[in-house]
Each structure stands twice: as structure tokens, then as C-alpha cells.
Amino acid sequence: MTNRSVVSQLNEQLDSDMKKGRLALETIFTTVQFLCRQGLAIRGHEDVYSNFFQLLELRKNDVPELKDWLGRSGYKWTPHDIQNEIIDLLGKSVLKKVLASIKKTEHFSIMVDEASDSSIHEQMSFCIRTVDDSLIINEDFIGLYETPNTESQTRFIILKDIFARLDLSMDNLRGQCYDGASNMSVEDSLRHLTSMRDIMALAKDLINTVRESNKRVGLFRTIRYESANDQAGLRPRIPDSMDYAGF
């Protein structure tokens, strides 16, 4: 029988417990990762019947360390705040990889749109569009950013903050699209130029007038056919976007 000190035995037991704890935490992380990747709800009306806890119950049959961990009476790393923190860490990890890919391509375009959450808070969605060496277009959603108002100056300040946080240079920006974010659109930028404003307003009225009548739409199609311009079409309004790089 090996004579070992009490300290040595305690250290060995502590090391074993730490390894089991790490494995249990890793299993919890991968469980949240799976649910997020598949777009499944993590929580339910009751925690015990949520996808998160039900999946952990299934996985503990294959991971004894997880079964021991969930059976303990102490802290288990499963409360809502821990779930949120895990999601936040996973999101930052994904964003880091996306940014690495964007910086590798060097040049990019941005797409900004307006959105509102369930509490009617105005938000700004931000996406980045790139083209890789194989000429494949990639569009990556970066995040939602709450905005106190819809003024163009406020949105520009938010954009500058996003660029600073992502460590991206505006010198590499080759295109901008503000679909729905009308305060950042060309139309809004020209509102002080009365002639351009009136022309755009007239064009919108003409388009709406034609679209509201099946007879006028048919006449438009006939004119388009006779002019051999199959690309011409009617849109409900003048586009709010401005792409100037051909991305």
C-alpha cells in the first residue's frame, strides 16, 4: 500500500473533480450550440420541459460526468443567465471568424435595414457583403443595434461605432445599401434639392398610378414588348438603396 500524504490525495481528488466539471461544462456548451445552430428554442413554459434540459437529460446517458454533475445539489451552470452568457460567448466566437474572413477579402459592402422588436424598439440591422476569390458572394449578418431615433445623423454615428468595434476601415467600403432605412437613402439625401425631390415624387406617383390599374399595367407590358426592353419593370417605389460598386 502506497503511503501518500493527505494533501496529495486531496489534490488528486480535486484534479479529478475539475476534469469532470470541465467535461460537464463542455457538454452544456455543445448542447446550447446545437440548439442555436438548428434555430431551436432553448427555453419553454417550464424549464424542466425545455429543449435545453430535455437534451441534457438525453445526453447524460452517454456522458456519466454530466449525469453526476446534474445530480449535485449545488450550482449546475444551467440557469437562464448562464445560458445567455454561453450564447453571448458563442456569438462572439462566430463573429470573430466572420470578421477574419471579411478582412481577408479586404473590400466589402454594407447593408442596413430598419427593424422593430416585440417591444416596439427601433433597431438597425447590419450586414456585410463580400466576394471571395472564387467570385462567390457572401452576406453575413453582424447584429441588431438599437437606435434612439431614425435620423440619418444618428444612424451614421451608430455606423461609425460599429466600424470601430469591428476594427473595420471605411476606406475598404465599396458599397452601401439602405433598404428600408429611408433616412439614409438617396431620396432622403436629396430632399433639400427641390427639383430632384419633385422628380422622384412624380416618378413614384406615376408608378403607383400604373400599378393600381390592370388596364394600365397591360398597356405598360405592351409598350415594354414593343420597345424590346424586357428588363424594364414597375416597382412600388423608388429604391431606397444605393449600390455603387457593382457588388
C-alpha atoms as a PDB file:
ATOM      1  CA  MET A   1       0.000   0.000   0.000  1.00  0.00           C
ATOM      2  CA  THR A   2       1.445   3.339  -1.054  1.00  0.00           C
ATOM      3  CA  ASN A   3       1.757   5.852   1.720  1.00  0.00           C
ATOM      4  CA  ARG A   4       0.545   9.173   0.351  1.00  0.00           C
ATOM      5  CA  SER A   5       0.021  12.340   2.234  1.00  0.00           C
ATOM      6  CA  VAL A   6      -3.423  13.733   2.850  1.00  0.00           C
ATOM      7  CA  VAL A   7      -2.547  16.772   0.729  1.00  0.00           C
ATOM      8  CA  SER A   8      -1.572  14.562  -2.219  1.00  0.00           C
ATOM      9  CA  GLN A   9      -4.839  12.628  -2.025  1.00  0.00           C
ATOM     10  CA  LEU A  10      -6.871  15.839  -1.781  1.00  0.00           C
ATOM     11  CA  ASN A  11      -5.059  17.306  -4.781  1.00  0.00           C
ATOM     12  CA  GLU A  12      -5.720  14.158  -6.790  1.00  0.00           C
ATOM     13  CA  GLN A  13      -9.412  14.238  -5.907  1.00  0.00           C
ATOM     14  CA  LEU A  14      -9.599  17.954  -6.733  1.00  0.00           C
ATOM     15  CA  ASP A  15      -7.940  17.360 -10.096  1.00  0.00           C
ATOM     16  CA  SER A  16     -10.416  14.562 -10.866  1.00  0.00           C
ATOM     17  CA  ASP A  17     -13.362  16.771  -9.918  1.00  0.00           C
ATOM     18  CA  MET A  18     -12.050  19.590 -12.096  1.00  0.00           C
ATOM     19  CA  LYS A  19     -11.763  17.291 -15.130  1.00  0.00           C
ATOM     20  CA  LYS A  20     -15.298  16.027 -14.605  1.00  0.00           C
ATOM     21  CA  GLY A  21     -16.554  19.601 -14.193  1.00  0.00           C
ATOM     22  CA  ARG A  22     -14.847  20.716 -17.412  1.00  0.00           C
ATOM     23  CA  LEU A  23     -16.359  17.807 -19.341  1.00  0.00           C
ATOM     24  CA  ALA A  24     -19.815  18.596 -17.951  1.00  0.00           C
ATOM     25  CA  LEU A  25     -19.430  22.269 -18.863  1.00  0.00           C
ATOM     26  CA  GLU A  26     -18.249  21.355 -22.359  1.00  0.00           C
ATOM     27  CA  THR A  27     -21.342  19.178 -22.789  1.00  0.00           C
ATOM     28  CA  ILE A  28     -23.566  22.063 -21.653  1.00  0.00           C
ATOM     29  CA  PHE A  29     -21.807  24.372 -24.131  1.00  0.00           C
ATOM     30  CA  THR A  30     -22.247  21.979 -27.058  1.00  0.00           C
ATOM     31  CA  THR A  31     -25.897  21.476 -26.115  1.00  0.00           C
ATOM     32  CA  VAL A  32     -26.567  25.213 -26.338  1.00  0.00           C
ATOM     33  CA  GLN A  33     -24.505  25.368 -29.533  1.00  0.00           C
ATOM     34  CA  PHE A  34     -26.602  22.630 -31.159  1.00  0.00           C
ATOM     35  CA  LEU A  35     -29.897  24.323 -30.258  1.00  0.00           C
ATOM     36  CA  CYS A  36     -28.705  27.695 -31.544  1.00  0.00           C
ATOM     37  CA  ARG A  37     -27.305  26.256 -34.769  1.00  0.00           C
ATOM     38  CA  GLN A  38     -30.585  24.451 -35.505  1.00  0.00           C
ATOM     39  CA  GLY A  39     -32.655  27.519 -34.630  1.00  0.00           C
ATOM     40  CA  LEU A  40     -34.485  25.712 -31.816  1.00  0.00           C
ATOM     41  CA  ALA A  41     -35.927  27.384 -28.744  1.00  0.00           C
ATOM     42  CA  ILE A  42     -33.780  26.851 -25.677  1.00  0.00           C
ATOM     43  CA  ARG A  43     -36.461  27.531 -23.074  1.00  0.00           C
ATOM     44  CA  GLY A  44     -40.104  26.601 -22.709  1.00  0.00           C
ATOM     45  CA  HIS A  45     -43.014  27.457 -20.446  1.00  0.00           C
ATOM     46  CA  GLU A  46     -41.330  25.308 -17.801  1.00  0.00           C
ATOM     47  CA  ASP A  47     -37.577  24.718 -17.617  1.00  0.00           C
ATOM     48  CA  VAL A  48     -37.936  21.003 -16.985  1.00  0.00           C
ATOM     49  CA  TYR A  49     -39.710  20.553 -20.348  1.00  0.00           C
ATOM     50  CA  SER A  50     -37.486  22.943 -22.321  1.00  0.00           C
ATOM     51  CA  ASN A  51     -35.338  21.721 -25.232  1.00  0.00           C
ATOM     52  CA  PHE A  52     -32.225  22.581 -23.235  1.00  0.00           C
ATOM     53  CA  PHE A  53     -32.997  20.425 -20.212  1.00  0.00           C
ATOM     54  CA  GLN A  54     -34.558  17.610 -22.212  1.00  0.00           C
ATOM     55  CA  LEU A  55     -31.450  17.400 -24.416  1.00  0.00           C
ATOM     56  CA  LEU A  56     -29.225  17.367 -21.328  1.00  0.00           C
ATOM     57  CA  GLU A  57     -31.340  14.545 -19.911  1.00  0.00           C
ATOM     58  CA  LEU A  58     -30.760  12.592 -23.121  1.00  0.00           C
ATOM     59  CA  ARG A  59     -27.023  13.295 -23.280  1.00  0.00           C
ATOM     60  CA  LYS A  60     -26.326  12.372 -19.667  1.00  0.00           C
ATOM     61  CA  ASN A  61     -26.976   8.742 -20.591  1.00  0.00           C
ATOM     62  CA  ASP A  62     -23.833   8.891 -22.753  1.00  0.00           C
ATOM     63  CA  VAL A  63     -21.818  11.252 -20.530  1.00  0.00           C
ATOM     64  CA  PRO A  64     -21.582   9.904 -16.958  1.00  0.00           C
ATOM     65  CA  GLU A  65     -19.777  13.050 -15.813  1.00  0.00           C
ATOM     66  CA  LEU A  66     -22.770  15.139 -16.896  1.00  0.00           C
ATOM     67  CA  LYS A  67     -25.138  12.811 -15.032  1.00  0.00           C
ATOM     68  CA  ASP A  68     -23.112  13.254 -11.848  1.00  0.00           C
ATOM     69  CA  TRP A  69     -22.952  16.999 -12.375  1.00  0.00           C
ATOM     70  CA  LEU A  70     -26.707  17.430 -12.884  1.00  0.00           C
ATOM     71  CA  GLY A  71     -27.352  15.226  -9.851  1.00  0.00           C
ATOM     72  CA  ARG A  72     -25.473  17.514  -7.495  1.00  0.00           C
ATOM     73  CA  SER A  73     -27.307  19.885  -5.200  1.00  0.00           C
ATOM     74  CA  GLY A  74     -25.014  22.847  -5.818  1.00  0.00           C
ATOM     75  CA  TYR A  75     -24.548  25.136  -8.804  1.00  0.00           C
ATOM     76  CA  LYS A  76     -25.040  23.348 -12.145  1.00  0.00           C
ATOM     77  CA  TRP A  77     -24.358  26.049 -14.807  1.00  0.00           C
ATOM     78  CA  THR A  78     -27.896  25.730 -16.151  1.00  0.00           C
ATOM     79  CA  PRO A  79     -29.772  28.914 -15.037  1.00  0.00           C
ATOM     80  CA  HIS A  80     -31.020  31.403 -17.620  1.00  0.00           C
ATOM     81  CA  ASP A  81     -28.206  33.898 -17.015  1.00  0.00           C
ATOM     82  CA  ILE A  82     -25.616  31.181 -17.687  1.00  0.00           C
ATOM     83  CA  GLN A  83     -27.455  30.154 -20.862  1.00  0.00           C
ATOM     84  CA  ASN A  84     -27.407  33.783 -22.015  1.00  0.00           C
ATOM     85  CA  GLU A  85     -23.709  34.084 -21.245  1.00  0.00           C
ATOM     86  CA  ILE A  86     -22.938  30.902 -23.212  1.00  0.00           C
ATOM     87  CA  ILE A  87     -24.939  32.216 -26.179  1.00  0.00           C
ATOM     88  CA  ASP A  88     -23.058  35.514 -25.978  1.00  0.00           C
ATOM     89  CA  LEU A  89     -19.687  33.720 -25.947  1.00  0.00           C
ATOM     90  CA  LEU A  90     -20.686  31.526 -28.885  1.00  0.00           C
ATOM     91  CA  GLY A  91     -21.889  34.585 -30.791  1.00  0.00           C
ATOM     92  CA  LYS A  92     -18.592  36.398 -30.238  1.00  0.00           C
ATOM     93  CA  SER A  93     -16.691  33.337 -31.412  1.00  0.00           C
ATOM     94  CA  VAL A  94     -18.731  33.180 -34.626  1.00  0.00           C
ATOM     95  CA  LEU A  95     -18.372  36.934 -35.178  1.00  0.00           C
ATOM     96  CA  LYS A  96     -14.607  36.664 -34.756  1.00  0.00           C
ATOM     97  CA  LYS A  97     -14.413  34.034 -37.510  1.00  0.00           C
ATOM     98  CA  VAL A  98     -16.709  36.049 -39.788  1.00  0.00           C
ATOM     99  CA  LEU A  99     -14.615  39.193 -39.336  1.00  0.00           C
ATOM    100  CA  ALA A 100     -11.439  37.251 -40.087  1.00  0.00           C
ATOM    101  CA  SER A 101     -12.995  36.140 -43.384  1.00  0.00           C
ATOM    102  CA  ILE A 102     -14.167  39.684 -44.190  1.00  0.00           C
ATOM    103  CA  LYS A 103     -10.740  41.186 -43.519  1.00  0.00           C
ATOM    104  CA  LYS A 104      -9.170  38.531 -45.700  1.00  0.00           C
ATOM    105  CA  THR A 105     -11.230  39.686 -48.708  1.00  0.00           C
ATOM    106  CA  GLU A 106     -10.315  43.295 -47.798  1.00  0.00           C
ATOM    107  CA  HIS A 107     -13.121  45.102 -49.658  1.00  0.00           C
ATOM    108  CA  PHE A 108     -16.767  44.836 -48.683  1.00  0.00           C
ATOM    109  CA  SER A 109     -20.225  46.411 -48.873  1.00  0.00           C
ATOM    110  CA  ILE A 110     -22.694  47.058 -46.067  1.00  0.00           C
ATOM    111  CA  MET A 111     -26.452  46.544 -45.925  1.00  0.00           C
ATOM    112  CA  VAL A 112     -28.536  48.392 -43.343  1.00  0.00           C
ATOM    113  CA  ASP A 113     -32.235  47.978 -42.684  1.00  0.00           C
ATOM    114  CA  GLU A 114     -34.789  49.063 -40.126  1.00  0.00           C
ATOM    115  CA  ALA A 115     -36.455  46.619 -37.756  1.00  0.00           C
ATOM    116  CA  SER A 116     -38.540  46.695 -34.591  1.00  0.00           C
ATOM    117  CA  ASP A 117     -38.564  44.142 -31.790  1.00  0.00           C
ATOM    118  CA  SER A 118     -41.619  42.891 -29.891  1.00  0.00           C
ATOM    119  CA  SER A 119     -41.391  45.854 -27.502  1.00  0.00           C
ATOM    120  CA  ILE A 120     -41.561  48.291 -30.464  1.00  0.00           C
ATOM    121  CA  HIS A 121     -37.979  49.479 -30.017  1.00  0.00           C
ATOM    122  CA  GLU A 122     -36.430  50.784 -33.210  1.00  0.00           C
ATOM    123  CA  GLN A 123     -33.410  48.745 -34.266  1.00  0.00           C
ATOM    124  CA  MET A 124     -30.934  48.809 -37.102  1.00  0.00           C
ATOM    125  CA  SER A 125     -29.823  45.547 -38.680  1.00  0.00           C
ATOM    126  CA  PHE A 126     -26.286  45.474 -40.062  1.00  0.00           C
ATOM    127  CA  CYS A 127     -24.952  43.037 -42.671  1.00  0.00           C
ATOM    128  CA  ILE A 128     -21.691  42.845 -44.589  1.00  0.00           C
ATOM    129  CA  ARG A 129     -21.418  41.584 -48.153  1.00  0.00           C
ATOM    130  CA  THR A 130     -18.164  40.267 -49.591  1.00  0.00           C
ATOM    131  CA  VAL A 131     -16.934  38.419 -52.670  1.00  0.00           C
ATOM    132  CA  ASP A 132     -14.275  35.727 -52.255  1.00  0.00           C
ATOM    133  CA  ASP A 133     -11.528  34.702 -54.666  1.00  0.00           C
ATOM    134  CA  SER A 134     -13.936  32.288 -56.389  1.00  0.00           C
ATOM    135  CA  LEU A 135     -16.338  35.202 -57.054  1.00  0.00           C
ATOM    136  CA  ILE A 136     -18.865  33.733 -54.619  1.00  0.00           C
ATOM    137  CA  ILE A 137     -20.968  36.355 -52.854  1.00  0.00           C
ATOM    138  CA  ASN A 138     -21.264  36.046 -49.072  1.00  0.00           C
ATOM    139  CA  GLU A 139     -23.693  38.024 -46.955  1.00  0.00           C
ATOM    140  CA  ASP A 140     -23.074  37.911 -43.186  1.00  0.00           C
ATOM    141  CA  PHE A 141     -25.488  39.224 -40.583  1.00  0.00           C
ATOM    142  CA  ILE A 142     -23.460  41.071 -37.942  1.00  0.00           C
ATOM    143  CA  GLY A 143     -26.114  42.159 -35.479  1.00  0.00           C
ATOM    144  CA  LEU A 144     -29.005  44.370 -34.409  1.00  0.00           C
ATOM    145  CA  TYR A 145     -28.301  47.770 -32.890  1.00  0.00           C
ATOM    146  CA  GLU A 146     -30.889  49.806 -31.019  1.00  0.00           C
ATOM    147  CA  THR A 147     -31.250  53.390 -32.193  1.00  0.00           C
ATOM    148  CA  PRO A 148     -32.908  56.208 -30.186  1.00  0.00           C
ATOM    149  CA  ASN A 149     -34.345  57.791 -33.345  1.00  0.00           C
ATOM    150  CA  THR A 150     -34.421  57.367 -37.119  1.00  0.00           C
ATOM    151  CA  GLU A 151     -32.455  60.458 -38.093  1.00  0.00           C
ATOM    152  CA  SER A 152     -29.684  59.940 -40.641  1.00  0.00           C
ATOM    153  CA  GLN A 153     -27.086  61.601 -38.408  1.00  0.00           C
ATOM    154  CA  THR A 154     -27.845  59.190 -35.561  1.00  0.00           C
ATOM    155  CA  ARG A 155     -27.551  56.209 -37.896  1.00  0.00           C
ATOM    156  CA  PHE A 156     -24.236  57.483 -39.215  1.00  0.00           C
ATOM    157  CA  ILE A 157     -22.898  57.773 -35.659  1.00  0.00           C
ATOM    158  CA  ILE A 158     -24.009  54.188 -34.969  1.00  0.00           C
ATOM    159  CA  LEU A 159     -22.321  53.010 -38.171  1.00  0.00           C
ATOM    160  CA  LYS A 160     -19.053  54.682 -37.161  1.00  0.00           C
ATOM    161  CA  ASP A 161     -19.281  52.986 -33.761  1.00  0.00           C
ATOM    162  CA  ILE A 162     -19.894  49.596 -35.422  1.00  0.00           C
ATOM    163  CA  PHE A 163     -16.873  50.060 -37.690  1.00  0.00           C
ATOM    164  CA  ALA A 164     -14.729  50.970 -34.684  1.00  0.00           C
ATOM    165  CA  ARG A 165     -15.914  47.979 -32.651  1.00  0.00           C
ATOM    166  CA  LEU A 166     -15.327  45.586 -35.563  1.00  0.00           C
ATOM    167  CA  ASP A 167     -11.967  47.161 -36.369  1.00  0.00           C
ATOM    168  CA  LEU A 168     -13.003  47.728 -39.993  1.00  0.00           C
ATOM    169  CA  SER A 169     -11.791  50.600 -42.140  1.00  0.00           C
ATOM    170  CA  MET A 170     -14.234  52.711 -44.138  1.00  0.00           C
ATOM    171  CA  ASP A 171     -11.507  53.038 -46.753  1.00  0.00           C
ATOM    172  CA  ASN A 172     -12.291  49.436 -47.742  1.00  0.00           C
ATOM    173  CA  LEU A 173     -16.017  50.106 -48.061  1.00  0.00           C
ATOM    174  CA  ARG A 174     -17.105  49.697 -51.696  1.00  0.00           C
ATOM    175  CA  GLY A 175     -20.895  49.686 -51.496  1.00  0.00           C
ATOM    176  CA  GLN A 176     -23.807  50.795 -49.325  1.00  0.00           C
ATOM    177  CA  CYS A 177     -27.406  49.622 -49.285  1.00  0.00           C
ATOM    178  CA  TYR A 178     -30.059  51.098 -47.011  1.00  0.00           C
ATOM    179  CA  ASP A 179     -33.096  49.050 -47.951  1.00  0.00           C
ATOM    180  CA  GLY A 180     -35.915  50.251 -45.704  1.00  0.00           C
ATOM    181  CA  ALA A 181     -33.685  52.672 -43.778  1.00  0.00           C
ATOM    182  CA  SER A 182     -35.146  55.526 -45.793  1.00  0.00           C
ATOM    183  CA  ASN A 183     -33.455  58.253 -43.759  1.00  0.00           C
ATOM    184  CA  MET A 184     -30.115  57.068 -45.134  1.00  0.00           C
ATOM    185  CA  SER A 185     -31.328  56.708 -48.701  1.00  0.00           C
ATOM    186  CA  VAL A 186     -30.551  58.769 -51.788  1.00  0.00           C
ATOM    187  CA  GLU A 187     -34.096  60.048 -51.732  1.00  0.00           C
ATOM    188  CA  ASP A 188     -33.679  61.423 -48.226  1.00  0.00           C
ATOM    189  CA  SER A 189     -30.304  62.922 -49.081  1.00  0.00           C
ATOM    190  CA  LEU A 190     -31.878  64.866 -51.964  1.00  0.00           C
ATOM    191  CA  ARG A 191     -34.843  66.192 -50.025  1.00  0.00           C
ATOM    192  CA  HIS A 192     -33.320  69.682 -49.892  1.00  0.00           C
ATOM    193  CA  LEU A 193     -32.906  69.726 -53.691  1.00  0.00           C
ATOM    194  CA  THR A 194     -36.436  70.670 -54.659  1.00  0.00           C
ATOM    195  CA  SER A 195     -36.138  69.739 -58.349  1.00  0.00           C
ATOM    196  CA  MET A 196     -34.783  66.256 -57.648  1.00  0.00           C
ATOM    197  CA  ARG A 197     -37.270  65.772 -54.819  1.00  0.00           C
ATOM    198  CA  ASP A 198     -40.209  66.672 -57.076  1.00  0.00           C
ATOM    199  CA  ILE A 199     -38.953  64.424 -59.902  1.00  0.00           C
ATOM    200  CA  MET A 200     -38.649  61.441 -57.570  1.00  0.00           C
ATOM    201  CA  ALA A 201     -42.064  62.135 -56.064  1.00  0.00           C
ATOM    202  CA  LEU A 202     -43.580  62.358 -59.553  1.00  0.00           C
ATOM    203  CA  ALA A 203     -41.908  59.093 -60.585  1.00  0.00           C
ATOM    204  CA  LYS A 204     -43.328  57.333 -57.523  1.00  0.00           C
ATOM    205  CA  ASP A 205     -46.814  58.695 -58.242  1.00  0.00           C
ATOM    206  CA  LEU A 206     -46.625  57.538 -61.864  1.00  0.00           C
ATOM    207  CA  ILE A 207     -45.534  54.054 -60.839  1.00  0.00           C
ATOM    208  CA  ASN A 208     -48.351  53.796 -58.281  1.00  0.00           C
ATOM    209  CA  THR A 209     -50.869  55.078 -60.822  1.00  0.00           C
ATOM    210  CA  VAL A 210     -49.906  52.400 -63.345  1.00  0.00           C
ATOM    211  CA  ARG A 211     -49.778  49.607 -60.788  1.00  0.00           C
ATOM    212  CA  GLU A 212     -53.243  50.341 -59.421  1.00  0.00           C
ATOM    213  CA  SER A 213     -54.926  49.564 -62.751  1.00  0.00           C
ATOM    214  CA  ASN A 214     -54.792  46.213 -64.552  1.00  0.00           C
ATOM    215  CA  LYS A 215     -55.553  48.037 -67.809  1.00  0.00           C
ATOM    216  CA  ARG A 216     -52.611  50.403 -67.366  1.00  0.00           C
ATOM    217  CA  VAL A 217     -50.330  47.517 -66.360  1.00  0.00           C
ATOM    218  CA  GLY A 218     -51.332  45.684 -69.554  1.00  0.00           C
ATOM    219  CA  LEU A 219     -50.619  48.796 -71.600  1.00  0.00           C
ATOM    220  CA  PHE A 220     -47.236  49.125 -69.946  1.00  0.00           C
ATOM    221  CA  ARG A 221     -46.388  45.499 -70.799  1.00  0.00           C
ATOM    222  CA  THR A 222     -47.375  46.129 -74.422  1.00  0.00           C
ATOM    223  CA  ILE A 223     -45.116  49.192 -74.601  1.00  0.00           C
ATOM    224  CA  ARG A 224     -42.292  47.242 -72.987  1.00  0.00           C
ATOM    225  CA  TYR A 225     -42.705  44.408 -75.514  1.00  0.00           C
ATOM    226  CA  GLU A 226     -42.777  46.777 -78.464  1.00  0.00           C
ATOM    227  CA  SER A 227     -39.700  48.610 -77.245  1.00  0.00           C
ATOM    228  CA  ALA A 228     -37.818  45.274 -76.950  1.00  0.00           C
ATOM    229  CA  ASN A 229     -36.807  46.212 -73.404  1.00  0.00           C
ATOM    230  CA  ASP A 230     -37.670  43.113 -71.408  1.00  0.00           C
ATOM    231  CA  GLN A 231     -35.652  44.348 -68.447  1.00  0.00           C
ATOM    232  CA  ALA A 232     -37.915  47.301 -67.690  1.00  0.00           C
ATOM    233  CA  GLY A 233     -40.301  46.797 -64.823  1.00  0.00           C
ATOM    234  CA  LEU A 234     -42.501  48.534 -62.301  1.00  0.00           C
ATOM    235  CA  ARG A 235     -41.524  48.839 -58.705  1.00  0.00           C
ATOM    236  CA  PRO A 236     -43.790  50.006 -55.878  1.00  0.00           C
ATOM    237  CA  ARG A 237     -41.451  52.899 -55.086  1.00  0.00           C
ATOM    238  CA  ILE A 238     -38.106  54.434 -55.939  1.00  0.00           C
ATOM    239  CA  PRO A 239     -35.427  52.174 -54.420  1.00  0.00           C
ATOM    240  CA  ASP A 240     -34.051  53.300 -51.062  1.00  0.00           C
ATOM    241  CA  SER A 241     -30.732  51.646 -51.702  1.00  0.00           C
ATOM    242  CA  MET A 242     -27.580  52.840 -53.366  1.00  0.00           C
ATOM    243  CA  ASP A 243     -25.003  50.342 -54.575  1.00  0.00           C
ATOM    244  CA  TYR A 244     -22.165  52.000 -56.373  1.00  0.00           C
ATOM    245  CA  ALA A 245     -19.589  49.228 -56.575  1.00  0.00           C
ATOM    246  CA  GLY A 246     -21.437  46.588 -58.561  1.00  0.00           C
ATOM    247  CA  PHE A 247     -21.151  44.160 -55.639  1.00  0.00           C
END
